[in-house]
Amino acid sequence: MKTTIELPDALLAQARRYVASRNMTMKALIEQGLRKVMAEKQMAPKFTLRDGSVKGNGLTPEFQNATWEQLRDAIYEGRGG
């Protein structure tokens, strides 16, 4: 498959020097680079959020049927909120 890519002039010049010094083609360099980047992405560990839950029996009886506003008011009571 053929495709066109745009590269900064300085990067293209560096790539041309690289392939010339190693007797390889630009196509080979691009294939090698793409394969390397894709392999690194597959090996990268996936982020897992640690379990931040706490043990307990839930809300105290006085707050079990409270609305969010009531809970918020109780949390900020006496704190200027």
C-alpha atoms as a PDB file:
ATOM      1  CA  MET A   1       0.000   0.000   0.000  1.00  0.00           C
ATOM      2  CA  LYS A   2       1.242   3.448  -0.796  1.00  0.00           C
ATOM      3  CA  THR A   3       0.684   6.452   1.414  1.00  0.00           C
ATOM      4  CA  THR A   4       1.997   9.968   1.820  1.00  0.00           C
ATOM      5  CA  ILE A   5       3.318  11.338   5.086  1.00  0.00           C
ATOM      6  CA  GLU A   6       4.420  14.817   6.032  1.00  0.00           C
ATOM      7  CA  LEU A   7       7.560  15.176   8.141  1.00  0.00           C
ATOM      8  CA  PRO A   8       9.407  18.222   9.403  1.00  0.00           C
ATOM      9  CA  ASP A   9      12.367  19.008   7.131  1.00  0.00           C
ATOM     10  CA  ALA A  10      14.909  18.456   9.901  1.00  0.00           C
ATOM     11  CA  LEU A  11      13.467  15.014  10.763  1.00  0.00           C
ATOM     12  CA  LEU A  12      13.422  13.966   7.122  1.00  0.00           C
ATOM     13  CA  ALA A  13      17.041  15.044   6.685  1.00  0.00           C
ATOM     14  CA  GLN A  14      18.029  13.121   9.808  1.00  0.00           C
ATOM     15  CA  ALA A  15      16.149  10.034   8.561  1.00  0.00           C
ATOM     16  CA  ARG A  16      17.866  10.246   5.168  1.00  0.00           C
ATOM     17  CA  ARG A  17      21.286  10.380   6.818  1.00  0.00           C
ATOM     18  CA  TYR A  18      20.312   7.461   9.061  1.00  0.00           C
ATOM     19  CA  VAL A  19      19.196   5.178   6.228  1.00  0.00           C
ATOM     20  CA  ALA A  20      22.186   6.110   4.049  1.00  0.00           C
ATOM     21  CA  SER A  21      24.656   5.274   6.810  1.00  0.00           C
ATOM     22  CA  ARG A  22      22.999   1.896   7.378  1.00  0.00           C
ATOM     23  CA  ASN A  23      22.416   0.993   3.731  1.00  0.00           C
ATOM     24  CA  MET A  24      18.659   0.638   4.225  1.00  0.00           C
ATOM     25  CA  THR A  25      15.578   2.172   2.630  1.00  0.00           C
ATOM     26  CA  MET A  26      13.284   4.812   4.043  1.00  0.00           C
ATOM     27  CA  LYS A  27      10.477   2.250   3.758  1.00  0.00           C
ATOM     28  CA  ALA A  28      12.408  -0.179   5.955  1.00  0.00           C
ATOM     29  CA  LEU A  29      13.078   2.523   8.560  1.00  0.00           C
ATOM     30  CA  ILE A  30       9.420   3.532   8.717  1.00  0.00           C
ATOM     31  CA  GLU A  31       8.261  -0.099   8.965  1.00  0.00           C
ATOM     32  CA  GLN A  32      10.794  -0.774  11.719  1.00  0.00           C
ATOM     33  CA  GLY A  33       9.718   2.323  13.630  1.00  0.00           C
ATOM     34  CA  LEU A  34       6.015   1.554  13.359  1.00  0.00           C
ATOM     35  CA  ARG A  35       6.524  -2.034  14.504  1.00  0.00           C
ATOM     36  CA  LYS A  36       8.610  -0.893  17.475  1.00  0.00           C
ATOM     37  CA  VAL A  37       6.073   1.710  18.633  1.00  0.00           C
ATOM     38  CA  MET A  38       3.151  -0.697  18.289  1.00  0.00           C
ATOM     39  CA  ALA A  39       5.013  -3.442  20.205  1.00  0.00           C
ATOM     40  CA  GLU A  40       5.804  -1.008  23.037  1.00  0.00           C
ATOM     41  CA  LYS A  41       2.148   0.010  23.302  1.00  0.00           C
ATOM     42  CA  GLN A  42       1.061  -3.637  23.574  1.00  0.00           C
ATOM     43  CA  MET A  43       3.574  -4.335  26.344  1.00  0.00           C
ATOM     44  CA  ALA A  44       2.704  -1.260  28.419  1.00  0.00           C
ATOM     45  CA  PRO A  45       0.851  -2.222  31.590  1.00  0.00           C
ATOM     46  CA  LYS A  46      -2.743  -1.116  31.759  1.00  0.00           C
ATOM     47  CA  PHE A  47      -3.640   1.327  34.499  1.00  0.00           C
ATOM     48  CA  THR A  48      -5.711  -0.193  37.279  1.00  0.00           C
ATOM     49  CA  LEU A  49      -7.287   2.023  39.896  1.00  0.00           C
ATOM     50  CA  ARG A  50      -6.689   0.600  43.335  1.00  0.00           C
ATOM     51  CA  ASP A  51      -9.679  -0.273  45.481  1.00  0.00           C
ATOM     52  CA  GLY A  52     -10.223   2.728  47.740  1.00  0.00           C
ATOM     53  CA  SER A  53     -13.302   1.423  49.492  1.00  0.00           C
ATOM     54  CA  VAL A  54     -13.416   1.198  53.269  1.00  0.00           C
ATOM     55  CA  LYS A  55     -14.991  -1.283  55.627  1.00  0.00           C
ATOM     56  CA  GLY A  56     -18.023  -0.268  57.579  1.00  0.00           C
ATOM     57  CA  ASN A  57     -21.739  -0.616  57.909  1.00  0.00           C
ATOM     58  CA  GLY A  58     -22.748   2.334  55.778  1.00  0.00           C
ATOM     59  CA  LEU A  59     -24.380   5.480  57.077  1.00  0.00           C
ATOM     60  CA  THR A  60     -25.329   5.922  60.708  1.00  0.00           C
ATOM     61  CA  PRO A  61     -29.055   5.581  61.389  1.00  0.00           C
ATOM     62  CA  GLU A  62     -29.574   9.368  61.524  1.00  0.00           C
ATOM     63  CA  PHE A  63     -28.332   9.737  57.907  1.00  0.00           C
ATOM     64  CA  GLN A  64     -29.669   6.578  56.261  1.00  0.00           C
ATOM     65  CA  ASN A  65     -32.633   8.348  54.657  1.00  0.00           C
ATOM     66  CA  ALA A  66     -31.013  11.775  54.332  1.00  0.00           C
ATOM     67  CA  THR A  67     -30.769  13.684  51.058  1.00  0.00           C
ATOM     68  CA  TRP A  68     -27.438  14.779  49.639  1.00  0.00           C
ATOM     69  CA  GLU A  69     -28.145  18.324  50.754  1.00  0.00           C
ATOM     70  CA  GLN A  70     -28.723  17.168  54.340  1.00  0.00           C
ATOM     71  CA  LEU A  71     -25.490  15.157  54.300  1.00  0.00           C
ATOM     72  CA  ARG A  72     -23.558  18.091  52.867  1.00  0.00           C
ATOM     73  CA  ASP A  73     -24.991  20.489  55.435  1.00  0.00           C
ATOM     74  CA  ALA A  74     -24.011  18.113  58.267  1.00  0.00           C
ATOM     75  CA  ILE A  75     -20.479  17.734  56.886  1.00  0.00           C
ATOM     76  CA  TYR A  76     -19.920  21.490  56.690  1.00  0.00           C
ATOM     77  CA  GLU A  77     -21.819  22.413  59.859  1.00  0.00           C
ATOM     78  CA  GLY A  78     -19.745  24.869  61.900  1.00  0.00           C
ATOM     79  CA  ARG A  79     -17.109  25.220  59.145  1.00  0.00           C
ATOM     80  CA  GLY A  80     -18.391  28.295  57.424  1.00  0.00           C
ATOM     81  CA  GLY A  81     -19.941  26.410  54.505  1.00  0.00           C
END
